[in-house]
Amino acid sequence: MPRHMREVADAFERRTLPPVPVRVITAGKRPRMPQTQLAHLNSSHQALADGSPHGRLIVAERATHQIPYEQPEIILQTIGEIL
């Protein structure tokens, strides 16, 4: 996992997003994992949203990894807001 965390950090440093609406939808229910991995996951999602001047992080509070199945309305709502 540490190698993967470094690769993700390197990718974020090199990437620039265009000035378009970006929404990062992340799960509100997290599996048990080491705190360092959880902190990395959360900061990666926030960094991706922050990479765009029009970015925003959205937390699907009732969902785990399967957001489209567990909380599909948040996806529809987000698409509607962007359109």
N, C-alpha and C. Protein backbone atom coordinates (compact mmCIF):
# COMPACT_ATOMS: atom_id res chain seq x y z
N MET A 1 0.80 -1.20 0.00
CA MET A 1 0.00 0.00 0.00
C MET A 1 0.85 1.28 0.00
N PRO A 2 1.96 1.35 0.72
CA PRO A 2 2.76 2.58 0.68
C PRO A 2 3.22 2.96 -0.72
N ARG A 3 3.62 1.96 -1.53
CA ARG A 3 4.03 2.26 -2.90
C ARG A 3 2.88 2.86 -3.70
N HIS A 4 1.70 2.28 -3.54
CA HIS A 4 0.52 2.80 -4.24
C HIS A 4 0.22 4.22 -3.78
N MET A 5 0.33 4.49 -2.50
CA MET A 5 0.06 5.83 -1.98
C MET A 5 1.03 6.85 -2.59
N ARG A 6 2.29 6.46 -2.76
CA ARG A 6 3.27 7.36 -3.40
C ARG A 6 2.93 7.60 -4.86
N GLU A 7 2.51 6.54 -5.57
CA GLU A 7 2.14 6.69 -6.98
C GLU A 7 0.97 7.64 -7.15
N VAL A 8 -0.01 7.53 -6.29
CA VAL A 8 -1.17 8.42 -6.36
C VAL A 8 -0.75 9.86 -6.08
N ALA A 9 0.08 10.06 -5.07
CA ALA A 9 0.55 11.41 -4.74
C ALA A 9 1.32 12.00 -5.92
N ASP A 10 2.17 11.21 -6.56
CA ASP A 10 2.92 11.69 -7.73
C ASP A 10 1.99 12.07 -8.87
N ALA A 11 0.96 11.26 -9.10
CA ALA A 11 0.01 11.55 -10.18
C ALA A 11 -0.73 12.86 -9.91
N PHE A 12 -1.11 13.11 -8.67
CA PHE A 12 -1.80 14.36 -8.35
C PHE A 12 -0.91 15.56 -8.57
N GLU A 13 0.36 15.43 -8.26
CA GLU A 13 1.29 16.55 -8.43
C GLU A 13 1.46 16.92 -9.90
N ARG A 14 1.40 15.94 -10.80
CA ARG A 14 1.61 16.20 -12.23
C ARG A 14 0.35 16.65 -12.95
N ARG A 15 -0.79 16.35 -12.41
CA ARG A 15 -2.05 16.56 -13.13
C ARG A 15 -2.61 17.98 -12.91
N THR A 16 -3.16 18.49 -13.97
CA THR A 16 -3.94 19.72 -13.87
C THR A 16 -5.27 19.45 -14.56
N LEU A 17 -6.33 19.84 -13.93
CA LEU A 17 -7.67 19.61 -14.48
C LEU A 17 -8.15 20.86 -15.20
N PRO A 18 -8.95 20.70 -16.24
CA PRO A 18 -9.49 21.86 -16.96
C PRO A 18 -10.51 22.58 -16.06
N PRO A 19 -10.81 23.82 -16.36
CA PRO A 19 -11.75 24.60 -15.54
C PRO A 19 -13.21 24.22 -15.84
N VAL A 20 -13.56 22.99 -15.54
CA VAL A 20 -14.92 22.49 -15.73
C VAL A 20 -15.43 21.97 -14.39
N PRO A 21 -16.74 21.82 -14.23
CA PRO A 21 -17.26 21.28 -12.98
C PRO A 21 -16.75 19.85 -12.74
N VAL A 22 -16.19 19.64 -11.57
CA VAL A 22 -15.71 18.32 -11.17
C VAL A 22 -16.35 17.98 -9.83
N ARG A 23 -16.95 16.81 -9.77
CA ARG A 23 -17.54 16.35 -8.51
C ARG A 23 -16.92 15.00 -8.19
N VAL A 24 -16.42 14.87 -6.99
CA VAL A 24 -15.88 13.61 -6.50
C VAL A 24 -16.87 13.10 -5.46
N ILE A 25 -17.52 12.00 -5.76
CA ILE A 25 -18.48 11.42 -4.83
C ILE A 25 -17.78 10.28 -4.10
N THR A 26 -17.75 10.37 -2.79
CA THR A 26 -17.03 9.40 -1.99
C THR A 26 -17.96 8.78 -0.95
N ALA A 27 -17.63 7.58 -0.54
CA ALA A 27 -18.46 6.84 0.41
C ALA A 27 -18.39 7.45 1.81
N GLY A 28 -19.52 7.44 2.48
CA GLY A 28 -19.57 7.90 3.86
C GLY A 28 -19.32 6.78 4.85
N LYS A 29 -19.59 5.56 4.45
CA LYS A 29 -19.34 4.39 5.30
C LYS A 29 -18.04 3.75 4.84
N ARG A 30 -17.06 3.75 5.69
CA ARG A 30 -15.74 3.23 5.33
C ARG A 30 -15.50 1.87 6.00
N PRO A 31 -14.86 0.97 5.26
CA PRO A 31 -14.48 -0.30 5.88
C PRO A 31 -13.37 -0.07 6.90
N ARG A 32 -13.16 -1.05 7.72
CA ARG A 32 -12.05 -0.95 8.66
C ARG A 32 -10.75 -0.99 7.87
N MET A 33 -9.91 -0.02 8.13
CA MET A 33 -8.60 0.03 7.49
C MET A 33 -7.68 0.85 8.39
N PRO A 34 -6.38 0.68 8.22
CA PRO A 34 -5.45 1.48 9.03
C PRO A 34 -5.71 2.98 8.83
N GLN A 35 -5.52 3.72 9.89
CA GLN A 35 -5.78 5.17 9.86
C GLN A 35 -4.96 5.88 8.77
N THR A 36 -3.74 5.43 8.54
CA THR A 36 -2.93 6.10 7.50
C THR A 36 -3.55 5.90 6.12
N GLN A 37 -4.08 4.72 5.86
CA GLN A 37 -4.71 4.48 4.56
C GLN A 37 -6.01 5.27 4.44
N LEU A 38 -6.79 5.32 5.52
CA LEU A 38 -8.04 6.09 5.49
C LEU A 38 -7.75 7.58 5.28
N ALA A 39 -6.75 8.08 5.98
CA ALA A 39 -6.39 9.50 5.81
C ALA A 39 -5.92 9.77 4.38
N HIS A 40 -5.15 8.85 3.82
CA HIS A 40 -4.69 9.01 2.44
C HIS A 40 -5.86 9.00 1.46
N LEU A 41 -6.79 8.08 1.66
CA LEU A 41 -7.97 8.00 0.79
C LEU A 41 -8.77 9.30 0.85
N ASN A 42 -9.03 9.77 2.05
CA ASN A 42 -9.80 11.01 2.20
C ASN A 42 -9.08 12.21 1.59
N SER A 43 -7.78 12.30 1.83
CA SER A 43 -7.05 13.45 1.29
C SER A 43 -6.92 13.36 -0.23
N SER A 44 -6.83 12.14 -0.76
CA SER A 44 -6.76 11.98 -2.21
C SER A 44 -8.05 12.43 -2.88
N HIS A 45 -9.17 12.07 -2.29
CA HIS A 45 -10.46 12.49 -2.85
C HIS A 45 -10.61 14.01 -2.78
N GLN A 46 -10.20 14.60 -1.65
CA GLN A 46 -10.29 16.05 -1.53
C GLN A 46 -9.34 16.73 -2.51
N ALA A 47 -8.15 16.19 -2.67
CA ALA A 47 -7.17 16.77 -3.60
C ALA A 47 -7.68 16.72 -5.04
N LEU A 48 -8.34 15.64 -5.39
CA LEU A 48 -8.90 15.54 -6.74
C LEU A 48 -9.96 16.62 -6.96
N ALA A 49 -10.83 16.81 -5.99
CA ALA A 49 -11.85 17.86 -6.10
C ALA A 49 -11.21 19.24 -6.12
N ASP A 50 -10.21 19.43 -5.30
CA ASP A 50 -9.53 20.73 -5.23
C ASP A 50 -8.68 21.02 -6.47
N GLY A 51 -8.44 20.00 -7.28
CA GLY A 51 -7.62 20.18 -8.48
C GLY A 51 -8.31 20.96 -9.57
N SER A 52 -9.58 21.22 -9.40
CA SER A 52 -10.34 22.00 -10.36
C SER A 52 -10.88 23.25 -9.68
N PRO A 53 -10.86 24.38 -10.36
CA PRO A 53 -11.43 25.59 -9.75
C PRO A 53 -12.94 25.45 -9.51
N HIS A 54 -13.55 24.47 -10.14
CA HIS A 54 -14.98 24.25 -9.97
C HIS A 54 -15.24 22.87 -9.35
N GLY A 55 -14.30 22.41 -8.55
CA GLY A 55 -14.41 21.08 -7.95
C GLY A 55 -15.09 21.10 -6.60
N ARG A 56 -15.72 19.96 -6.28
CA ARG A 56 -16.37 19.83 -4.97
C ARG A 56 -16.40 18.35 -4.59
N LEU A 57 -16.15 18.10 -3.32
CA LEU A 57 -16.24 16.74 -2.77
C LEU A 57 -17.63 16.54 -2.19
N ILE A 58 -18.26 15.43 -2.55
CA ILE A 58 -19.59 15.10 -2.06
C ILE A 58 -19.51 13.75 -1.35
N VAL A 59 -20.02 13.68 -0.14
CA VAL A 59 -19.98 12.45 0.63
C VAL A 59 -21.35 11.78 0.58
N ALA A 60 -21.35 10.55 0.12
CA ALA A 60 -22.58 9.73 0.11
C ALA A 60 -22.64 9.05 1.48
N GLU A 61 -23.30 9.69 2.41
CA GLU A 61 -23.27 9.28 3.82
C GLU A 61 -23.76 7.86 4.07
N ARG A 62 -24.70 7.37 3.29
CA ARG A 62 -25.27 6.04 3.53
C ARG A 62 -24.63 4.94 2.69
N ALA A 63 -23.61 5.26 1.93
CA ALA A 63 -23.04 4.30 0.98
C ALA A 63 -21.64 3.85 1.38
N THR A 64 -21.33 2.64 0.94
CA THR A 64 -19.96 2.12 1.05
C THR A 64 -19.32 2.29 -0.33
N HIS A 65 -18.60 1.31 -0.79
CA HIS A 65 -17.92 1.38 -2.08
C HIS A 65 -18.91 1.34 -3.25
N GLN A 66 -20.10 0.86 -3.02
CA GLN A 66 -21.09 0.66 -4.09
C GLN A 66 -22.09 1.82 -4.17
N ILE A 67 -21.62 3.02 -4.31
CA ILE A 67 -22.48 4.21 -4.31
C ILE A 67 -23.59 4.12 -5.35
N PRO A 68 -23.34 3.68 -6.58
CA PRO A 68 -24.44 3.63 -7.57
C PRO A 68 -25.59 2.71 -7.15
N TYR A 69 -25.31 1.70 -6.35
CA TYR A 69 -26.36 0.78 -5.90
C TYR A 69 -26.95 1.19 -4.57
N GLU A 70 -26.13 1.74 -3.69
CA GLU A 70 -26.57 2.04 -2.33
C GLU A 70 -27.16 3.44 -2.16
N GLN A 71 -26.76 4.37 -2.99
CA GLN A 71 -27.27 5.74 -2.89
C GLN A 71 -27.30 6.40 -4.27
N PRO A 72 -28.02 5.81 -5.22
CA PRO A 72 -28.01 6.33 -6.59
C PRO A 72 -28.55 7.75 -6.71
N GLU A 73 -29.40 8.14 -5.81
CA GLU A 73 -29.98 9.49 -5.91
C GLU A 73 -28.94 10.59 -5.80
N ILE A 74 -27.85 10.32 -5.09
CA ILE A 74 -26.82 11.36 -4.97
C ILE A 74 -26.12 11.58 -6.31
N ILE A 75 -26.01 10.54 -7.10
CA ILE A 75 -25.42 10.67 -8.44
C ILE A 75 -26.35 11.46 -9.35
N LEU A 76 -27.63 11.12 -9.32
CA LEU A 76 -28.60 11.86 -10.14
C LEU A 76 -28.68 13.32 -9.73
N GLN A 77 -28.67 13.58 -8.44
CA GLN A 77 -28.73 14.95 -7.93
C GLN A 77 -27.49 15.74 -8.39
N THR A 78 -26.34 15.11 -8.30
CA THR A 78 -25.10 15.78 -8.70
C THR A 78 -25.08 16.09 -10.19
N ILE A 79 -25.50 15.15 -11.00
CA ILE A 79 -25.58 15.39 -12.44
C ILE A 79 -26.54 16.54 -12.73
N GLY A 80 -27.68 16.55 -12.06
CA GLY A 80 -28.66 17.62 -12.25
C GLY A 80 -28.09 18.98 -11.89
N GLU A 81 -27.33 19.05 -10.81
CA GLU A 81 -26.70 20.32 -10.40
C GLU A 81 -25.71 20.83 -11.45
N ILE A 82 -24.95 19.92 -12.02
CA ILE A 82 -23.94 20.32 -12.99
C ILE A 82 -24.61 20.78 -14.29
N LEU A 83 -25.65 20.07 -14.71
CA LEU A 83 -26.32 20.45 -15.94
C LEU A 83 -27.05 21.77 -15.77
